[in-house]
Amino acid sequence: MAHWTLDQIPWHAFDASKVDPDLLKLAKAAALVEYNGGDYATYLNNVFHDDDGFRAVADEWSLEEVQHGAALARWAKLADPSFDFDAAFQRFLDGYRIPLDVNASVRGSRSGELVARCIVETGTSSYYTALAEAAQEPVFKAICRKIAADELRHYKLFYTHLNRYLEREGLGAWGRFKVAMSRITESEDDELAYAYYAANHGDEAYERKRFSSAYAKRAYAYYQPPHIQRGIAMVLKAAGLNPQGPLHKPLSALAIWFMRRRVAKLSAAGA
């Protein structure tokens, strides 16, 4: 099935009166991260340097990620004509880059790398679903729905290749689970914090804790229990565990509690 294009977004339906300021800030930050898909393709091509089939998949995936960034940037410009995406993206690149001079995965194996990719796609699929359901502005809602569907498809794609590599490398459930948990704990690393800063506060000095908190306060607030429960199921599956097994309910409850507590604490602190 052919992938969607920017021309298929209903730009004519844009309604400035329905733009949520916090969603706009998140959209600007997301545009930078998504548009940086080329760097991740370079990294994956290095890790899978002798797997031409997967390299082709990674290149196609990165093009779709870059298009996500372009769609979000175009919407952000409609919502805020003063937004200079090119300057913000360069600011982001100047302050945050993933390691590209590698020939092996930072996860210890190719299977581990693919587990990590599944975790990332779990997060983005859940995130854009949450934003789509929270948004009132129709164009942003449409964009987020398309991106969420893409990210779910990307999860399935990486999961397929994970199974292929598991047959070669034999990474067990415990190893997969450790990689999954490690990647989840990186969700508040410098990438998202710096993207939020570069997109929304580029005229200020970067303070990691401040901008990480500002991002998390807004992003976590839009998650509802079904988004988290589905995400936990996808994480368990990538980790080699039963997605609806005995761990699903307590882990979902813990994640819901954590997000609500985090938002409450950050709101109280004025993040």
C-alpha atoms as a PDB file:
ATOM      1  CA  MET A   1       0.000   0.000   0.000  1.00  0.00           C
ATOM      2  CA  ALA A   2       1.377   3.389  -0.968  1.00  0.00           C
ATOM      3  CA  HIS A   3       2.348   5.660   1.887  1.00  0.00           C
ATOM      4  CA  TRP A   4       0.423   8.881   2.425  1.00  0.00           C
ATOM      5  CA  THR A   5       1.769  12.213   1.243  1.00  0.00           C
ATOM      6  CA  LEU A   6       1.606  15.746   2.595  1.00  0.00           C
ATOM      7  CA  ASP A   7      -0.943  16.572  -0.099  1.00  0.00           C
ATOM      8  CA  GLN A   8      -3.373  14.150   1.554  1.00  0.00           C
ATOM      9  CA  ILE A   9      -3.464  16.169   4.769  1.00  0.00           C
ATOM     10  CA  PRO A  10      -6.636  18.361   4.908  1.00  0.00           C
ATOM     11  CA  TRP A  11      -4.724  21.609   5.322  1.00  0.00           C
ATOM     12  CA  HIS A  12      -7.783  23.613   4.232  1.00  0.00           C
ATOM     13  CA  ALA A  13      -9.578  22.529   7.416  1.00  0.00           C
ATOM     14  CA  PHE A  14      -7.088  24.229   9.746  1.00  0.00           C
ATOM     15  CA  ASP A  15      -8.857  26.069  12.574  1.00  0.00           C
ATOM     16  CA  ALA A  16      -6.606  28.421  14.533  1.00  0.00           C
ATOM     17  CA  SER A  17      -9.235  28.864  17.238  1.00  0.00           C
ATOM     18  CA  LYS A  18      -8.849  25.187  18.222  1.00  0.00           C
ATOM     19  CA  VAL A  19      -5.072  25.137  18.617  1.00  0.00           C
ATOM     20  CA  ASP A  20      -3.996  24.039  22.078  1.00  0.00           C
ATOM     21  CA  PRO A  21      -0.836  25.958  23.123  1.00  0.00           C
ATOM     22  CA  ASP A  22       0.660  22.966  24.918  1.00  0.00           C
ATOM     23  CA  LEU A  23       0.010  20.660  21.962  1.00  0.00           C
ATOM     24  CA  LEU A  24       1.651  23.241  19.737  1.00  0.00           C
ATOM     25  CA  LYS A  25       4.795  23.170  21.869  1.00  0.00           C
ATOM     26  CA  LEU A  26       4.853  19.371  21.741  1.00  0.00           C
ATOM     27  CA  ALA A  27       4.275  19.378  17.981  1.00  0.00           C
ATOM     28  CA  LYS A  28       7.241  21.709  17.423  1.00  0.00           C
ATOM     29  CA  ALA A  29       9.505  19.446  19.483  1.00  0.00           C
ATOM     30  CA  ALA A  30       8.227  16.298  17.780  1.00  0.00           C
ATOM     31  CA  ALA A  31       8.847  17.833  14.361  1.00  0.00           C
ATOM     32  CA  LEU A  32      12.561  18.135  15.163  1.00  0.00           C
ATOM     33  CA  VAL A  33      12.920  14.570  16.446  1.00  0.00           C
ATOM     34  CA  GLU A  34      10.999  13.036  13.554  1.00  0.00           C
ATOM     35  CA  TYR A  35      12.810  15.102  10.931  1.00  0.00           C
ATOM     36  CA  ASN A  36      16.094  13.741  12.257  1.00  0.00           C
ATOM     37  CA  GLY A  37      15.236  10.279  10.913  1.00  0.00           C
ATOM     38  CA  GLY A  38      18.172  10.421   8.515  1.00  0.00           C
ATOM     39  CA  ASP A  39      20.689  10.171  11.357  1.00  0.00           C
ATOM     40  CA  TYR A  40      18.944   7.105  12.722  1.00  0.00           C
ATOM     41  CA  ALA A  41      18.991   5.504   9.282  1.00  0.00           C
ATOM     42  CA  THR A  42      22.737   6.114   9.106  1.00  0.00           C
ATOM     43  CA  TYR A  43      23.172   4.499  12.517  1.00  0.00           C
ATOM     44  CA  LEU A  44      21.050   1.469  11.577  1.00  0.00           C
ATOM     45  CA  ASN A  45      22.831   1.095   8.250  1.00  0.00           C
ATOM     46  CA  ASN A  46      26.123   0.949  10.141  1.00  0.00           C
ATOM     47  CA  VAL A  47      24.840  -1.603  12.635  1.00  0.00           C
ATOM     48  CA  PHE A  48      23.332  -3.805   9.894  1.00  0.00           C
ATOM     49  CA  HIS A  49      26.101  -3.076   7.392  1.00  0.00           C
ATOM     50  CA  ASP A  50      25.978  -6.530   5.762  1.00  0.00           C
ATOM     51  CA  ASP A  51      22.187  -6.936   5.696  1.00  0.00           C
ATOM     52  CA  ASP A  52      21.071  -5.254   2.480  1.00  0.00           C
ATOM     53  CA  GLY A  53      17.442  -6.236   3.020  1.00  0.00           C
ATOM     54  CA  PHE A  54      17.222  -4.562   6.390  1.00  0.00           C
ATOM     55  CA  ARG A  55      19.216  -1.547   5.217  1.00  0.00           C
ATOM     56  CA  ALA A  56      16.595  -0.950   2.511  1.00  0.00           C
ATOM     57  CA  VAL A  57      13.878  -1.204   5.155  1.00  0.00           C
ATOM     58  CA  ALA A  58      15.714   1.266   7.400  1.00  0.00           C
ATOM     59  CA  ASP A  59      16.069   3.754   4.549  1.00  0.00           C
ATOM     60  CA  GLU A  60      12.354   3.575   3.748  1.00  0.00           C
ATOM     61  CA  TRP A  61      11.472   3.887   7.426  1.00  0.00           C
ATOM     62  CA  SER A  62      13.624   7.001   7.777  1.00  0.00           C
ATOM     63  CA  LEU A  63      11.914   8.670   4.820  1.00  0.00           C
ATOM     64  CA  GLU A  64       8.573   8.189   6.517  1.00  0.00           C
ATOM     65  CA  GLU A  65       9.950   9.579   9.779  1.00  0.00           C
ATOM     66  CA  VAL A  66      11.266  12.656   7.988  1.00  0.00           C
ATOM     67  CA  GLN A  67       7.846  13.137   6.403  1.00  0.00           C
ATOM     68  CA  HIS A  68       6.286  13.035   9.862  1.00  0.00           C
ATOM     69  CA  GLY A  69       8.577  15.874  10.840  1.00  0.00           C
ATOM     70  CA  ALA A  70       7.710  17.841   7.720  1.00  0.00           C
ATOM     71  CA  ALA A  71       3.970  17.448   8.363  1.00  0.00           C
ATOM     72  CA  LEU A  72       4.266  18.524  11.996  1.00  0.00           C
ATOM     73  CA  ALA A  73       6.491  21.465  11.053  1.00  0.00           C
ATOM     74  CA  ARG A  74       4.036  22.651   8.418  1.00  0.00           C
ATOM     75  CA  TRP A  75       1.169  22.464  10.897  1.00  0.00           C
ATOM     76  CA  ALA A  76       3.193  24.272  13.564  1.00  0.00           C
ATOM     77  CA  LYS A  77       3.892  27.055  11.068  1.00  0.00           C
ATOM     78  CA  LEU A  78       0.164  27.400  10.432  1.00  0.00           C
ATOM     79  CA  ALA A  79      -0.509  27.575  14.149  1.00  0.00           C
ATOM     80  CA  ASP A  80       2.411  29.919  14.826  1.00  0.00           C
ATOM     81  CA  PRO A  81       3.629  31.839  11.747  1.00  0.00           C
ATOM     82  CA  SER A  82       6.685  33.017  13.700  1.00  0.00           C
ATOM     83  CA  PHE A  83       7.985  29.450  14.060  1.00  0.00           C
ATOM     84  CA  ASP A  84      11.278  29.097  12.179  1.00  0.00           C
ATOM     85  CA  PHE A  85      11.593  25.363  11.715  1.00  0.00           C
ATOM     86  CA  ASP A  86      14.910  25.464   9.861  1.00  0.00           C
ATOM     87  CA  ALA A  87      16.564  27.503  12.608  1.00  0.00           C
ATOM     88  CA  ALA A  88      15.063  25.299  15.326  1.00  0.00           C
ATOM     89  CA  PHE A  89      16.195  22.120  13.591  1.00  0.00           C
ATOM     90  CA  GLN A  90      19.741  23.416  13.197  1.00  0.00           C
ATOM     91  CA  ARG A  91      19.730  24.423  16.860  1.00  0.00           C
ATOM     92  CA  PHE A  92      18.645  20.883  17.729  1.00  0.00           C
ATOM     93  CA  LEU A  93      21.408  19.319  15.611  1.00  0.00           C
ATOM     94  CA  ASP A  94      23.997  21.651  17.122  1.00  0.00           C
ATOM     95  CA  GLY A  95      23.086  20.489  20.611  1.00  0.00           C
ATOM     96  CA  TYR A  96      22.119  16.852  20.208  1.00  0.00           C
ATOM     97  CA  ARG A  97      23.458  14.147  17.890  1.00  0.00           C
ATOM     98  CA  ILE A  98      23.328  10.377  18.164  1.00  0.00           C
ATOM     99  CA  PRO A  99      26.631   8.486  17.677  1.00  0.00           C
ATOM    100  CA  LEU A 100      27.068   7.731  13.981  1.00  0.00           C
ATOM    101  CA  ASP A 101      30.644   6.465  13.888  1.00  0.00           C
ATOM    102  CA  VAL A 102      29.746   2.918  14.978  1.00  0.00           C
ATOM    103  CA  ASN A 103      29.686  -0.538  13.412  1.00  0.00           C
ATOM    104  CA  ALA A 104      27.797  -2.375  16.157  1.00  0.00           C
ATOM    105  CA  SER A 105      24.677  -1.721  18.201  1.00  0.00           C
ATOM    106  CA  VAL A 106      24.939   0.130  21.475  1.00  0.00           C
ATOM    107  CA  ARG A 107      22.467  -2.522  22.721  1.00  0.00           C
ATOM    108  CA  GLY A 108      25.043  -5.293  22.490  1.00  0.00           C
ATOM    109  CA  SER A 109      23.529  -7.226  19.598  1.00  0.00           C
ATOM    110  CA  ARG A 110      21.363  -6.746  16.560  1.00  0.00           C
ATOM    111  CA  SER A 111      18.506  -8.474  18.328  1.00  0.00           C
ATOM    112  CA  GLY A 112      18.884  -6.009  21.181  1.00  0.00           C
ATOM    113  CA  GLU A 113      18.875  -3.128  18.720  1.00  0.00           C
ATOM    114  CA  LEU A 114      15.614  -4.340  17.207  1.00  0.00           C
ATOM    115  CA  VAL A 115      14.050  -4.744  20.650  1.00  0.00           C
ATOM    116  CA  ALA A 116      14.992  -1.121  21.334  1.00  0.00           C
ATOM    117  CA  ARG A 117      13.496  -0.029  18.017  1.00  0.00           C
ATOM    118  CA  CYS A 118      10.261  -1.829  18.923  1.00  0.00           C
ATOM    119  CA  ILE A 119      10.173   0.041  22.234  1.00  0.00           C
ATOM    120  CA  VAL A 120      10.625   3.372  20.473  1.00  0.00           C
ATOM    121  CA  GLU A 121       7.803   2.600  18.043  1.00  0.00           C
ATOM    122  CA  THR A 122       5.618   1.513  20.966  1.00  0.00           C
ATOM    123  CA  GLY A 123       6.162   4.874  22.586  1.00  0.00           C
ATOM    124  CA  THR A 124       5.535   6.936  19.474  1.00  0.00           C
ATOM    125  CA  SER A 125       2.455   4.966  18.448  1.00  0.00           C
ATOM    126  CA  SER A 126       0.929   5.433  21.899  1.00  0.00           C
ATOM    127  CA  TYR A 127       2.017   9.074  22.055  1.00  0.00           C
ATOM    128  CA  TYR A 128       0.528  10.170  18.754  1.00  0.00           C
ATOM    129  CA  THR A 129      -2.657   8.234  19.480  1.00  0.00           C
ATOM    130  CA  ALA A 130      -2.969  10.125  22.751  1.00  0.00           C
ATOM    131  CA  LEU A 131      -2.335  13.478  21.037  1.00  0.00           C
ATOM    132  CA  ALA A 132      -4.811  12.700  18.266  1.00  0.00           C
ATOM    133  CA  GLU A 133      -7.549  11.905  20.753  1.00  0.00           C
ATOM    134  CA  ALA A 134      -6.817  14.999  22.842  1.00  0.00           C
ATOM    135  CA  ALA A 135      -6.582  17.447  19.943  1.00  0.00           C
ATOM    136  CA  GLN A 136      -9.508  19.602  18.875  1.00  0.00           C
ATOM    137  CA  GLU A 137      -7.775  21.170  15.870  1.00  0.00           C
ATOM    138  CA  PRO A 138      -8.800  18.940  12.919  1.00  0.00           C
ATOM    139  CA  VAL A 139      -5.590  19.100  10.882  1.00  0.00           C
ATOM    140  CA  PHE A 140      -3.355  18.238  13.816  1.00  0.00           C
ATOM    141  CA  LYS A 141      -5.718  15.416  14.734  1.00  0.00           C
ATOM    142  CA  ALA A 142      -5.485  14.011  11.189  1.00  0.00           C
ATOM    143  CA  ILE A 143      -1.676  14.248  11.152  1.00  0.00           C
ATOM    144  CA  CYS A 144      -1.335  12.501  14.502  1.00  0.00           C
ATOM    145  CA  ARG A 145      -3.647   9.704  13.428  1.00  0.00           C
ATOM    146  CA  LYS A 146      -1.576   9.063  10.321  1.00  0.00           C
ATOM    147  CA  ILE A 147       1.678   9.140  12.254  1.00  0.00           C
ATOM    148  CA  ALA A 148       0.306   6.829  14.950  1.00  0.00           C
ATOM    149  CA  ALA A 149      -0.720   4.302  12.294  1.00  0.00           C
ATOM    150  CA  ASP A 150       2.733   4.517  10.703  1.00  0.00           C
ATOM    151  CA  GLU A 151       4.465   3.957  14.029  1.00  0.00           C
ATOM    152  CA  LEU A 152       2.361   0.880  14.745  1.00  0.00           C
ATOM    153  CA  ARG A 153       3.290  -0.479  11.316  1.00  0.00           C
ATOM    154  CA  HIS A 154       6.943   0.294  12.027  1.00  0.00           C
ATOM    155  CA  TYR A 155       6.696  -1.664  15.277  1.00  0.00           C
ATOM    156  CA  LYS A 156       5.423  -4.682  13.364  1.00  0.00           C
ATOM    157  CA  LEU A 157       8.195  -4.249  10.809  1.00  0.00           C
ATOM    158  CA  PHE A 158      10.989  -4.167  13.383  1.00  0.00           C
ATOM    159  CA  TYR A 159       9.361  -7.033  15.279  1.00  0.00           C
ATOM    160  CA  THR A 160       9.442  -9.167  12.137  1.00  0.00           C
ATOM    161  CA  HIS A 161      13.167  -8.550  11.717  1.00  0.00           C
ATOM    162  CA  LEU A 162      13.692  -9.125  15.443  1.00  0.00           C
ATOM    163  CA  ASN A 163      12.308 -12.636  15.066  1.00  0.00           C
ATOM    164  CA  ARG A 164      14.673 -13.222  12.160  1.00  0.00           C
ATOM    165  CA  TYR A 165      17.688 -12.198  14.224  1.00  0.00           C
ATOM    166  CA  LEU A 166      16.575 -14.111  17.303  1.00  0.00           C
ATOM    167  CA  GLU A 167      16.981 -17.293  15.267  1.00  0.00           C
ATOM    168  CA  ARG A 168      20.635 -16.366  14.719  1.00  0.00           C
ATOM    169  CA  GLU A 169      21.623 -14.755  18.002  1.00  0.00           C
ATOM    170  CA  GLY A 170      19.387 -16.470  20.530  1.00  0.00           C
ATOM    171  CA  LEU A 171      18.834 -13.449  22.775  1.00  0.00           C
ATOM    172  CA  GLY A 172      16.657 -14.788  25.581  1.00  0.00           C
ATOM    173  CA  ALA A 173      13.610 -13.257  27.227  1.00  0.00           C
ATOM    174  CA  TRP A 174      15.673 -11.871  30.132  1.00  0.00           C
ATOM    175  CA  GLY A 175      18.101 -10.191  27.741  1.00  0.00           C
ATOM    176  CA  ARG A 176      15.247  -8.760  25.712  1.00  0.00           C
ATOM    177  CA  PHE A 177      13.500  -7.535  28.850  1.00  0.00           C
ATOM    178  CA  LYS A 178      16.665  -5.775  30.064  1.00  0.00           C
ATOM    179  CA  VAL A 179      17.052  -3.983  26.729  1.00  0.00           C
ATOM    180  CA  ALA A 180      13.386  -2.979  26.776  1.00  0.00           C
ATOM    181  CA  MET A 181      13.593  -1.560  30.304  1.00  0.00           C
ATOM    182  CA  SER A 182      16.848   0.218  29.488  1.00  0.00           C
ATOM    183  CA  ARG A 183      15.287   1.918  26.475  1.00  0.00           C
ATOM    184  CA  ILE A 184      12.203   2.936  28.446  1.00  0.00           C
ATOM    185  CA  THR A 185      14.343   4.622  31.088  1.00  0.00           C
ATOM    186  CA  GLU A 186      15.906   6.703  28.321  1.00  0.00           C
ATOM    187  CA  SER A 187      12.550   8.321  27.507  1.00  0.00           C
ATOM    188  CA  GLU A 188      13.535  11.375  29.541  1.00  0.00           C
ATOM    189  CA  ASP A 189      17.037  11.672  28.143  1.00  0.00           C
ATOM    190  CA  ASP A 190      18.481  14.726  26.432  1.00  0.00           C
ATOM    191  CA  GLU A 191      16.902  14.106  23.023  1.00  0.00           C
ATOM    192  CA  LEU A 192      13.338  15.053  23.946  1.00  0.00           C
ATOM    193  CA  ALA A 193      14.387  17.717  26.424  1.00  0.00           C
ATOM    194  CA  TYR A 194      16.709  19.336  23.915  1.00  0.00           C
ATOM    195  CA  ALA A 195      14.121  19.132  21.131  1.00  0.00           C
ATOM    196  CA  TYR A 196      11.587  20.865  23.372  1.00  0.00           C
ATOM    197  CA  TYR A 197      14.140  23.547  24.191  1.00  0.00           C
ATOM    198  CA  ALA A 198      15.322  24.035  20.598  1.00  0.00           C
ATOM    199  CA  ALA A 199      11.776  24.311  19.286  1.00  0.00           C
ATOM    200  CA  ASN A 200      10.308  26.551  21.967  1.00  0.00           C
ATOM    201  CA  HIS A 201      13.049  28.343  23.933  1.00  0.00           C
ATOM    202  CA  GLY A 202      15.967  28.742  21.563  1.00  0.00           C
ATOM    203  CA  ASP A 203      16.741  32.244  22.793  1.00  0.00           C
ATOM    204  CA  GLU A 204      17.455  30.956  26.304  1.00  0.00           C
ATOM    205  CA  ALA A 205      20.222  28.872  27.840  1.00  0.00           C
ATOM    206  CA  TYR A 206      19.640  25.118  27.862  1.00  0.00           C
ATOM    207  CA  GLU A 207      18.824  23.613  31.260  1.00  0.00           C
ATOM    208  CA  ARG A 208      18.293  19.875  30.985  1.00  0.00           C
ATOM    209  CA  LYS A 209      16.175  19.415  34.116  1.00  0.00           C
ATOM    210  CA  ARG A 210      13.983  22.419  33.372  1.00  0.00           C
ATOM    211  CA  PHE A 211      13.171  21.487  29.800  1.00  0.00           C
ATOM    212  CA  SER A 212      12.867  17.773  30.503  1.00  0.00           C
ATOM    213  CA  SER A 213      10.295  18.620  33.155  1.00  0.00           C
ATOM    214  CA  ALA A 214       8.457  21.065  30.895  1.00  0.00           C
ATOM    215  CA  TYR A 215       8.226  18.434  28.171  1.00  0.00           C
ATOM    216  CA  ALA A 216       7.165  15.601  30.479  1.00  0.00           C
ATOM    217  CA  LYS A 217       4.495  17.699  32.210  1.00  0.00           C
ATOM    218  CA  ARG A 218       2.785  18.352  28.889  1.00  0.00           C
ATOM    219  CA  ALA A 219       3.376  15.050  27.114  1.00  0.00           C
ATOM    220  CA  TYR A 220       2.361  12.744  29.972  1.00  0.00           C
ATOM    221  CA  ALA A 221      -0.823  14.685  30.655  1.00  0.00           C
ATOM    222  CA  TYR A 222      -2.450  13.463  27.438  1.00  0.00           C
ATOM    223  CA  TYR A 223      -2.036   9.740  28.098  1.00  0.00           C
ATOM    224  CA  GLN A 224      -5.175   7.878  29.105  1.00  0.00           C
ATOM    225  CA  PRO A 225      -5.223   4.344  30.591  1.00  0.00           C
ATOM    226  CA  PRO A 226      -6.022   2.588  27.273  1.00  0.00           C
ATOM    227  CA  HIS A 227      -2.958   4.161  25.625  1.00  0.00           C
ATOM    228  CA  ILE A 228      -0.727   2.957  28.438  1.00  0.00           C
ATOM    229  CA  GLN A 229      -2.271  -0.503  28.604  1.00  0.00           C
ATOM    230  CA  ARG A 230      -1.785  -1.058  24.897  1.00  0.00           C
ATOM    231  CA  GLY A 231       1.776   0.231  25.127  1.00  0.00           C
ATOM    232  CA  ILE A 232       2.612  -2.159  27.976  1.00  0.00           C
ATOM    233  CA  ALA A 233       1.278  -5.068  25.912  1.00  0.00           C
ATOM    234  CA  MET A 234       3.530  -4.062  22.996  1.00  0.00           C
ATOM    235  CA  VAL A 235       6.545  -3.747  25.312  1.00  0.00           C
ATOM    236  CA  LEU A 236       5.932  -7.202  26.777  1.00  0.00           C
ATOM    237  CA  LYS A 237       5.635  -8.709  23.316  1.00  0.00           C
ATOM    238  CA  ALA A 238       8.927  -7.126  22.206  1.00  0.00           C
ATOM    239  CA  ALA A 239      10.523  -8.435  25.402  1.00  0.00           C
ATOM    240  CA  GLY A 240       9.459 -11.986  24.583  1.00  0.00           C
ATOM    241  CA  LEU A 241       6.717 -12.155  27.226  1.00  0.00           C
ATOM    242  CA  ASN A 242       2.988 -12.776  27.008  1.00  0.00           C
ATOM    243  CA  PRO A 243       1.465  -9.368  26.151  1.00  0.00           C
ATOM    244  CA  GLN A 244      -1.712 -10.218  28.060  1.00  0.00           C
ATOM    245  CA  GLY A 245      -0.068 -12.395  30.704  1.00  0.00           C
ATOM    246  CA  PRO A 246       0.147 -11.869  34.473  1.00  0.00           C
ATOM    247  CA  LEU A 247       2.575  -8.944  34.144  1.00  0.00           C
ATOM    248  CA  HIS A 248       0.290  -6.829  31.971  1.00  0.00           C
ATOM    249  CA  LYS A 249      -2.151  -5.612  34.597  1.00  0.00           C
ATOM    250  CA  PRO A 250       0.331  -4.675  37.374  1.00  0.00           C
ATOM    251  CA  LEU A 251       2.782  -3.051  34.953  1.00  0.00           C
ATOM    252  CA  SER A 252      -0.042  -1.045  33.356  1.00  0.00           C
ATOM    253  CA  ALA A 253      -1.253   0.088  36.781  1.00  0.00           C
ATOM    254  CA  LEU A 254       2.288   1.068  37.762  1.00  0.00           C
ATOM    255  CA  ALA A 255       2.806   3.034  34.540  1.00  0.00           C
ATOM    256  CA  ILE A 256      -0.528   4.839  34.919  1.00  0.00           C
ATOM    257  CA  TRP A 257       0.327   5.723  38.523  1.00  0.00           C
ATOM    258  CA  PHE A 258       3.790   6.928  37.558  1.00  0.00           C
ATOM    259  CA  MET A 259       2.561   9.209  34.780  1.00  0.00           C
ATOM    260  CA  ARG A 260      -0.202  10.732  36.880  1.00  0.00           C
ATOM    261  CA  ARG A 261       2.159  11.276  39.814  1.00  0.00           C
ATOM    262  CA  ARG A 262       4.812  12.782  37.544  1.00  0.00           C
ATOM    263  CA  VAL A 263       2.349  15.245  35.996  1.00  0.00           C
ATOM    264  CA  ALA A 264       0.971  16.204  39.419  1.00  0.00           C
ATOM    265  CA  LYS A 265       4.441  16.822  40.857  1.00  0.00           C
ATOM    266  CA  LEU A 266       5.590  18.830  37.854  1.00  0.00           C
ATOM    267  CA  SER A 267       2.400  20.879  37.829  1.00  0.00           C
ATOM    268  CA  ALA A 268       2.791  21.625  41.538  1.00  0.00           C
ATOM    269  CA  ALA A 269       6.392  22.651  40.932  1.00  0.00           C
ATOM    270  CA  GLY A 270       5.342  24.948  38.085  1.00  0.00           C
ATOM    271  CA  ALA A 271       7.366  23.132  35.408  1.00  0.00           C
END
